[in-house]
PDB file of N, CA and C in Angstrom:
ATOM      1  N   UNK A   1     131.016 177.891-119.804  1.00  0.00           N
ATOM      2  CA  UNK A   1     130.196 178.703-120.906  1.00  0.00           C
ATOM      3  C   UNK A   1     130.840 179.898-120.429  1.00  0.00           C
ATOM      4  N   UNK A   2     130.634 180.524-118.985  1.00  0.00           N
ATOM      5  CA  UNK A   2     130.875 181.955-118.658  1.00  0.00           C
ATOM      6  C   UNK A   2     132.075 182.274-118.863  1.00  0.00           C
ATOM      7  N   UNK A   3     133.147 181.200-118.696  1.00  0.00           N
ATOM      8  CA  UNK A   3     134.648 181.514-118.585  1.00  0.00           C
ATOM      9  C   UNK A   3     135.052 182.063-120.114  1.00  0.00           C
ATOM     10  N   UNK A   4     134.278 181.478-121.186  1.00  0.00           N
ATOM     11  CA  UNK A   4     134.542 181.642-122.730  1.00  0.00           C
ATOM     12  C   UNK A   4     134.187 183.027-122.880  1.00  0.00           C
ATOM     13  N   UNK A   5     133.097 183.181-122.547  1.00  0.00           N
ATOM     14  CA  UNK A   5     132.539 184.821-122.793  1.00  0.00           C
ATOM     15  C   UNK A   5     133.367 185.763-122.159  1.00  0.00           C
ATOM     16  N   UNK A   6     133.909 185.633-120.881  1.00  0.00           N
ATOM     17  CA  UNK A   6     134.883 186.256-120.122  1.00  0.00           C
ATOM     18  C   UNK A   6     136.225 186.397-120.749  1.00  0.00           C
ATOM     19  N   UNK A   7     136.801 185.439-121.417  1.00  0.00           N
ATOM     20  CA  UNK A   7     137.812 185.626-122.048  1.00  0.00           C
ATOM     21  C   UNK A   7     137.728 186.334-123.208  1.00  0.00           C
ATOM     22  N   UNK A   8     136.491 185.872-123.869  1.00  0.00           N
ATOM     23  CA  UNK A   8     135.949 186.843-125.152  1.00  0.00           C
ATOM     24  C   UNK A   8     136.138 188.508-124.910  1.00  0.00           C
ATOM     25  N   UNK A   9     135.433 188.590-123.874  1.00  0.00           N
ATOM     26  CA  UNK A   9     135.364 190.272-123.545  1.00  0.00           C
ATOM     27  C   UNK A   9     136.542 190.510-122.916  1.00  0.00           C
ATOM     28  N   UNK A  10     137.656 190.116-122.282  1.00  0.00           N
ATOM     29  CA  UNK A  10     139.117 190.261-122.067  1.00  0.00           C
ATOM     30  C   UNK A  10     139.542 190.500-123.423  1.00  0.00           C
ATOM     31  N   UNK A  11     139.706 190.018-124.099  1.00  0.00           N
ATOM     32  CA  UNK A  11     140.185 190.172-125.526  1.00  0.00           C
ATOM     33  C   UNK A  11     139.789 191.234-126.192  1.00  0.00           C
ATOM     34  N   UNK A  12     138.346 191.371-126.162  1.00  0.00           N
ATOM     35  CA  UNK A  12     137.751 192.687-127.039  1.00  0.00           C
ATOM     36  C   UNK A  12     137.984 194.019-126.178  1.00  0.00           C
ATOM     37  N   UNK A  13     138.065 194.214-124.862  1.00  0.00           N
ATOM     38  CA  UNK A  13     138.831 195.271-124.228  1.00  0.00           C
ATOM     39  C   UNK A  13     140.127 195.677-124.415  1.00  0.00           C
ATOM     40  N   UNK A  14     140.962 194.342-124.359  1.00  0.00           N
ATOM     41  CA  UNK A  14     142.447 194.718-124.562  1.00  0.00           C
ATOM     42  C   UNK A  14     142.808 194.975-125.822  1.00  0.00           C
ATOM     43  N   UNK A  15     142.051 194.401-126.853  1.00  0.00           N
ATOM     44  CA  UNK A  15     142.095 195.183-128.285  1.00  0.00           C
ATOM     45  C   UNK A  15     142.002 196.282-128.583  1.00  0.00           C
ATOM     46  N   UNK A  16     140.907 196.764-127.917  1.00  0.00           N
ATOM     47  CA  UNK A  16     140.260 198.272-128.194  1.00  0.00           C
ATOM     48  C   UNK A  16     141.681 199.097-127.222  1.00  0.00           C
ATOM     49  N   UNK A  17     141.711 198.813-126.368  1.00  0.00           N
ATOM     50  CA  UNK A  17     142.820 199.732-125.446  1.00  0.00           C
ATOM     51  C   UNK A  17     144.098 199.468-126.372  1.00  0.00           C
ATOM     52  N   UNK A  18     144.666 198.905-126.987  1.00  0.00           N
ATOM     53  CA  UNK A  18     145.622 198.478-127.819  1.00  0.00           C
ATOM     54  C   UNK A  18     145.496 199.413-128.814  1.00  0.00           C
ATOM     55  N   UNK A  19     144.418 199.133-129.444  1.00  0.00           N
ATOM     56  CA  UNK A  19     144.305 200.167-131.005  1.00  0.00           C
ATOM     57  C   UNK A  19     144.297 201.626-130.461  1.00  0.00           C
ATOM     58  N   UNK A  20     143.692 202.034-128.853  1.00  0.00           N
ATOM     59  CA  UNK A  20     143.789 203.375-128.816  1.00  0.00           C
ATOM     60  C   UNK A  20     145.300 204.103-128.697  1.00  0.00           C
ATOM     61  N   UNK A  21     146.119 203.229-127.853  1.00  0.00           N
ATOM     62  CA  UNK A  21     147.401 203.333-128.187  1.00  0.00           C
ATOM     63  C   UNK A  21     147.946 203.528-129.742  1.00  0.00           C
ATOM     64  N   UNK A  22     147.520 202.584-130.379  1.00  0.00           N
ATOM     65  CA  UNK A  22     147.858 202.735-131.756  1.00  0.00           C
ATOM     66  C   UNK A  22     147.353 204.329-132.462  1.00  0.00           C
ATOM     67  N   UNK A  23     146.155 204.888-132.162  1.00  0.00           N
ATOM     68  CA  UNK A  23     146.028 205.887-132.661  1.00  0.00           C
ATOM     69  C   UNK A  23     146.732 206.856-132.081  1.00  0.00           C
ATOM     70  N   UNK A  24     147.157 206.891-130.342  1.00  0.00           N
ATOM     71  CA  UNK A  24     147.954 207.879-129.803  1.00  0.00           C
ATOM     72  C   UNK A  24     149.245 207.906-130.366  1.00  0.00           C
ATOM     73  N   UNK A  25     149.953 206.536-130.831  1.00  0.00           N
ATOM     74  CA  UNK A  25     151.292 206.603-131.705  1.00  0.00           C
ATOM     75  C   UNK A  25     151.058 207.233-132.684  1.00  0.00           C
ATOM     76  N   UNK A  26     150.124 207.451-133.561  1.00  0.00           N
ATOM     77  CA  UNK A  26     150.307 207.675-135.023  1.00  0.00           C
ATOM     78  C   UNK A  26     149.823 209.561-134.631  1.00  0.00           C
ATOM     79  N   UNK A  27     149.464 209.948-133.570  1.00  0.00           N
ATOM     80  CA  UNK A  27     149.144 211.363-133.360  1.00  0.00           C
ATOM     81  C   UNK A  27     150.665 211.793-133.127  1.00  0.00           C
ATOM     82  N   UNK A  28     151.433 211.116-132.498  1.00  0.00           N
ATOM     83  CA  UNK A  28     152.627 211.774-132.167  1.00  0.00           C
ATOM     84  C   UNK A  28     153.713 210.906-132.803  1.00  0.00           C
ATOM     85  N   UNK A  29     153.333 210.568-134.237  1.00  0.00           N
ATOM     86  CA  UNK A  29     154.328 210.568-135.286  1.00  0.00           C
ATOM     87  C   UNK A  29     155.284 209.153-134.840  1.00  0.00           C
ATOM     88  N   UNK A  30     154.909 208.206-134.023  1.00  0.00           N
ATOM     89  CA  UNK A  30     155.596 207.044-133.550  1.00  0.00           C
ATOM     90  C   UNK A  30     155.345 205.886-134.601  1.00  0.00           C
ATOM     91  N   UNK A  31     155.834 206.170-135.794  1.00  0.00           N
ATOM     92  CA  UNK A  31     156.018 204.948-136.483  1.00  0.00           C
ATOM     93  C   UNK A  31     156.929 204.222-136.494  1.00  0.00           C
ATOM     94  N   UNK A  32     156.938 202.954-136.784  1.00  0.00           N
ATOM     95  CA  UNK A  32     156.194 202.036-137.059  1.00  0.00           C
ATOM     96  C   UNK A  32     155.409 201.395-135.818  1.00  0.00           C
ATOM     97  N   UNK A  33     155.767 202.305-134.769  1.00  0.00           N
ATOM     98  CA  UNK A  33     155.088 201.298-133.444  1.00  0.00           C
ATOM     99  C   UNK A  33     153.660 201.546-133.619  1.00  0.00           C
ATOM    100  N   UNK A  34     153.017 202.590-134.415  1.00  0.00           N
ATOM    101  CA  UNK A  34     151.427 202.622-134.422  1.00  0.00           C
ATOM    102  C   UNK A  34     150.723 201.668-135.132  1.00  0.00           C
ATOM    103  N   UNK A  35     151.720 201.275-136.167  1.00  0.00           N
ATOM    104  CA  UNK A  35     151.415 199.821-136.993  1.00  0.00           C
ATOM    105  C   UNK A  35     151.264 198.915-136.455  1.00  0.00           C
ATOM    106  N   UNK A  36     152.229 198.346-135.591  1.00  0.00           N
ATOM    107  CA  UNK A  36     152.408 197.263-134.734  1.00  0.00           C
ATOM    108  C   UNK A  36     151.459 197.087-133.773  1.00  0.00           C
ATOM    109  N   UNK A  37     150.968 197.997-133.189  1.00  0.00           N
ATOM    110  CA  UNK A  37     149.872 198.370-132.142  1.00  0.00           C
ATOM    111  C   UNK A  37     148.506 197.955-133.040  1.00  0.00           C
ATOM    112  N   UNK A  38     148.286 198.685-134.019  1.00  0.00           N
ATOM    113  CA  UNK A  38     147.448 198.473-134.788  1.00  0.00           C
ATOM    114  C   UNK A  38     146.801 197.094-135.037  1.00  0.00           C
ATOM    115  N   UNK A  39     148.348 196.303-135.482  1.00  0.00           N
ATOM    116  CA  UNK A  39     148.057 194.736-136.066  1.00  0.00           C
ATOM    117  C   UNK A  39     147.809 194.162-134.691  1.00  0.00           C
ATOM    118  N   UNK A  40     148.074 194.203-133.681  1.00  0.00           N
ATOM    119  CA  UNK A  40     147.582 193.612-132.756  1.00  0.00           C
ATOM    120  C   UNK A  40     146.223 193.694-132.046  1.00  0.00           C
ATOM    121  N   UNK A  41     145.885 194.766-132.030  1.00  0.00           N
ATOM    122  CA  UNK A  41     144.539 195.293-131.765  1.00  0.00           C
ATOM    123  C   UNK A  41     143.129 194.786-133.031  1.00  0.00           C
ATOM    124  N   UNK A  42     143.815 194.939-134.255  1.00  0.00           N
ATOM    125  CA  UNK A  42     143.041 194.190-135.210  1.00  0.00           C
ATOM    126  C   UNK A  42     142.995 192.391-135.249  1.00  0.00           C
ATOM    127  N   UNK A  43     144.033 192.211-134.619  1.00  0.00           N
ATOM    128  CA  UNK A  43     144.186 190.642-134.125  1.00  0.00           C
ATOM    129  C   UNK A  43     143.244 190.267-133.218  1.00  0.00           C
ATOM    130  N   UNK A  44     143.236 190.998-132.341  1.00  0.00           N
ATOM    131  CA  UNK A  44     142.373 190.597-131.263  1.00  0.00           C
ATOM    132  C   UNK A  44     140.800 190.717-131.612  1.00  0.00           C
ATOM    133  N   UNK A  45     140.498 191.915-132.528  1.00  0.00           N
ATOM    134  CA  UNK A  45     139.049 192.116-132.799  1.00  0.00           C
ATOM    135  C   UNK A  45     138.663 190.961-133.841  1.00  0.00           C
ATOM    136  N   UNK A  46     139.720 190.454-134.499  1.00  0.00           N
ATOM    137  CA  UNK A  46     139.576 189.252-135.589  1.00  0.00           C
ATOM    138  C   UNK A  46     139.071 188.058-134.860  1.00  0.00           C
ATOM    139  N   UNK A  47     139.714 188.049-133.764  1.00  0.00           N
ATOM    140  CA  UNK A  47     139.360 186.883-132.554  1.00  0.00           C
ATOM    141  C   UNK A  47     138.214 186.743-132.171  1.00  0.00           C
ATOM    142  N   UNK A  48     137.953 187.925-131.880  1.00  0.00           N
ATOM    143  CA  UNK A  48     136.679 188.416-131.268  1.00  0.00           C
ATOM    144  C   UNK A  48     135.424 187.737-132.092  1.00  0.00           C
ATOM    145  N   UNK A  49     135.657 188.449-133.423  1.00  0.00           N
ATOM    146  CA  UNK A  49     134.705 188.080-134.523  1.00  0.00           C
ATOM    147  C   UNK A  49     134.508 186.662-134.580  1.00  0.00           C
ATOM    148  N   UNK A  50     135.655 185.776-134.691  1.00  0.00           N
ATOM    149  CA  UNK A  50     135.581 184.490-135.071  1.00  0.00           C
ATOM    150  C   UNK A  50     134.707 183.460-133.876  1.00  0.00           C
ATOM    151  N   UNK A  51     135.223 184.001-132.675  1.00  0.00           N
ATOM    152  CA  UNK A  51     134.510 183.623-131.657  1.00  0.00           C
ATOM    153  C   UNK A  51     132.892 183.858-131.557  1.00  0.00           C
ATOM    154  N   UNK A  52     132.668 185.138-131.923  1.00  0.00           N
ATOM    155  CA  UNK A  52     131.211 185.570-131.976  1.00  0.00           C
ATOM    156  C   UNK A  52     130.352 184.727-133.336  1.00  0.00           C
ATOM    157  N   UNK A  53     131.061 184.265-134.322  1.00  0.00           N
ATOM    158  CA  UNK A  53     130.646 183.687-135.584  1.00  0.00           C
ATOM    159  C   UNK A  53     130.019 185.140-136.185  1.00  0.00           C
ATOM    160  N   UNK A  54     130.546 186.421-136.098  1.00  0.00           N
ATOM    161  CA  UNK A  54     130.315 187.483-136.873  1.00  0.00           C
ATOM    162  C   UNK A  54     130.984 187.542-138.090  1.00  0.00           C
ATOM    163  N   UNK A  55     130.422 187.445-139.441  1.00  0.00           N
ATOM    164  CA  UNK A  55     131.010 187.327-140.344  1.00  0.00           C
ATOM    165  C   UNK A  55     131.474 188.726-140.971  1.00  0.00           C
ATOM    166  N   UNK A  56     130.372 189.750-140.882  1.00  0.00           N
ATOM    167  CA  UNK A  56     130.997 191.047-140.916  1.00  0.00           C
ATOM    168  C   UNK A  56     132.377 191.410-140.332  1.00  0.00           C
ATOM    169  N   UNK A  57     132.224 191.277-138.845  1.00  0.00           N
ATOM    170  CA  UNK A  57     133.757 191.688-138.268  1.00  0.00           C
ATOM    171  C   UNK A  57     134.651 191.008-138.516  1.00  0.00           C
ATOM    172  N   UNK A  58     134.626 189.707-138.875  1.00  0.00           N
ATOM    173  CA  UNK A  58     135.662 188.812-139.245  1.00  0.00           C
ATOM    174  C   UNK A  58     136.178 189.086-140.785  1.00  0.00           C
ATOM    175  N   UNK A  59     135.575 189.721-141.664  1.00  0.00           N
ATOM    176  CA  UNK A  59     135.713 190.108-142.957  1.00  0.00           C
ATOM    177  C   UNK A  59     136.561 191.176-142.902  1.00  0.00           C
ATOM    178  N   UNK A  60     136.085 192.435-142.217  1.00  0.00           N
ATOM    179  CA  UNK A  60     136.689 193.609-142.285  1.00  0.00           C
ATOM    180  C   UNK A  60     138.103 193.296-141.382  1.00  0.00           C
ATOM    181  N   UNK A  61     138.105 192.688-140.613  1.00  0.00           N
ATOM    182  CA  UNK A  61     139.365 192.533-139.930  1.00  0.00           C
ATOM    183  C   UNK A  61     140.504 191.748-140.817  1.00  0.00           C
ATOM    184  N   UNK A  62     139.846 190.694-141.076  1.00  0.00           N
ATOM    185  CA  UNK A  62     140.975 189.795-142.084  1.00  0.00           C
ATOM    186  C   UNK A  62     141.571 190.835-143.186  1.00  0.00           C
ATOM    187  N   UNK A  63     140.704 191.698-143.922  1.00  0.00           N
ATOM    188  CA  UNK A  63     140.930 192.647-144.897  1.00  0.00           C
ATOM    189  C   UNK A  63     142.022 193.674-144.533  1.00  0.00           C
ATOM    190  N   UNK A  64     141.921 194.293-143.408  1.00  0.00           N
ATOM    191  CA  UNK A  64     142.581 195.287-142.537  1.00  0.00           C
ATOM    192  C   UNK A  64     143.709 194.669-142.169  1.00  0.00           C
ATOM    193  N   UNK A  65     143.563 193.669-141.513  1.00  0.00           N
ATOM    194  CA  UNK A  65     145.285 192.966-141.314  1.00  0.00           C
ATOM    195  C   UNK A  65     146.002 192.456-142.434  1.00  0.00           C
ATOM    196  N   UNK A  66     145.007 192.050-143.705  1.00  0.00           N
ATOM    197  CA  UNK A  66     146.189 191.746-144.666  1.00  0.00           C
ATOM    198  C   UNK A  66     146.847 193.017-145.372  1.00  0.00           C
ATOM    199  N   UNK A  67     145.763 194.230-145.145  1.00  0.00           N
ATOM    200  CA  UNK A  67     146.529 195.545-146.208  1.00  0.00           C
ATOM    201  C   UNK A  67     147.820 195.846-145.026  1.00  0.00           C
ATOM    202  N   UNK A  68     147.443 195.697-143.611  1.00  0.00           N
ATOM    203  CA  UNK A  68     148.476 196.247-142.944  1.00  0.00           C
ATOM    204  C   UNK A  68     149.746 195.618-142.893  1.00  0.00           C
ATOM    205  N   UNK A  69     149.805 194.071-142.936  1.00  0.00           N
ATOM    206  CA  UNK A  69     150.614 193.474-143.395  1.00  0.00           C
ATOM    207  C   UNK A  69     151.502 193.439-144.407  1.00  0.00           C
ATOM    208  N   UNK A  70     150.768 193.719-145.666  1.00  0.00           N
ATOM    209  CA  UNK A  70     151.369 193.978-147.023  1.00  0.00           C
ATOM    210  C   UNK A  70     152.210 195.712-146.907  1.00  0.00           C
ATOM    211  N   UNK A  71     151.362 196.199-146.128  1.00  0.00           N
ATOM    212  CA  UNK A  71     152.172 197.928-146.109  1.00  0.00           C
ATOM    213  C   UNK A  71     153.273 197.398-145.369  1.00  0.00           C
ATOM    214  N   UNK A  72     153.395 196.731-144.366  1.00  0.00           N
ATOM    215  CA  UNK A  72     154.444 196.706-143.495  1.00  0.00           C
ATOM    216  C   UNK A  72     155.516 196.075-144.079  1.00  0.00           C
ATOM    217  N   UNK A  73     155.282 195.113-144.964  1.00  0.00           N
ATOM    218  CA  UNK A  73     156.177 194.346-145.686  1.00  0.00           C
ATOM    219  C   UNK A  73     156.662 195.289-146.938  1.00  0.00           C
ATOM    220  N   UNK A  74     156.032 196.060-147.323  1.00  0.00           N
ATOM    221  CA  UNK A  74     156.432 196.965-148.441  1.00  0.00           C
ATOM    222  C   UNK A  74     157.595 198.200-148.133  1.00  0.00           C
ATOM    223  N   UNK A  75     157.199 198.380-146.662  1.00  0.00           N
ATOM    224  CA  UNK A  75     157.979 199.714-146.178  1.00  0.00           C
ATOM    225  C   UNK A  75     159.414 199.315-145.532  1.00  0.00           C
TER     226      UNK A  75
END
């Protein structure tokens, strides 16, 4: 049980750090790198939401991921 919690914590922090890099990439005009970083970060947070059975967190990240994937596909 402790191992799973540690895995989720690692995913949570990794996803957060990756998203910070996504914000930095946006600030420096590094597109589409910023979008790919955000995708990885959002996927990480989606996994955390699913593991925590948190429907609000899961819903927002499913919607955000869908919007990002559609946006990338159209560019």
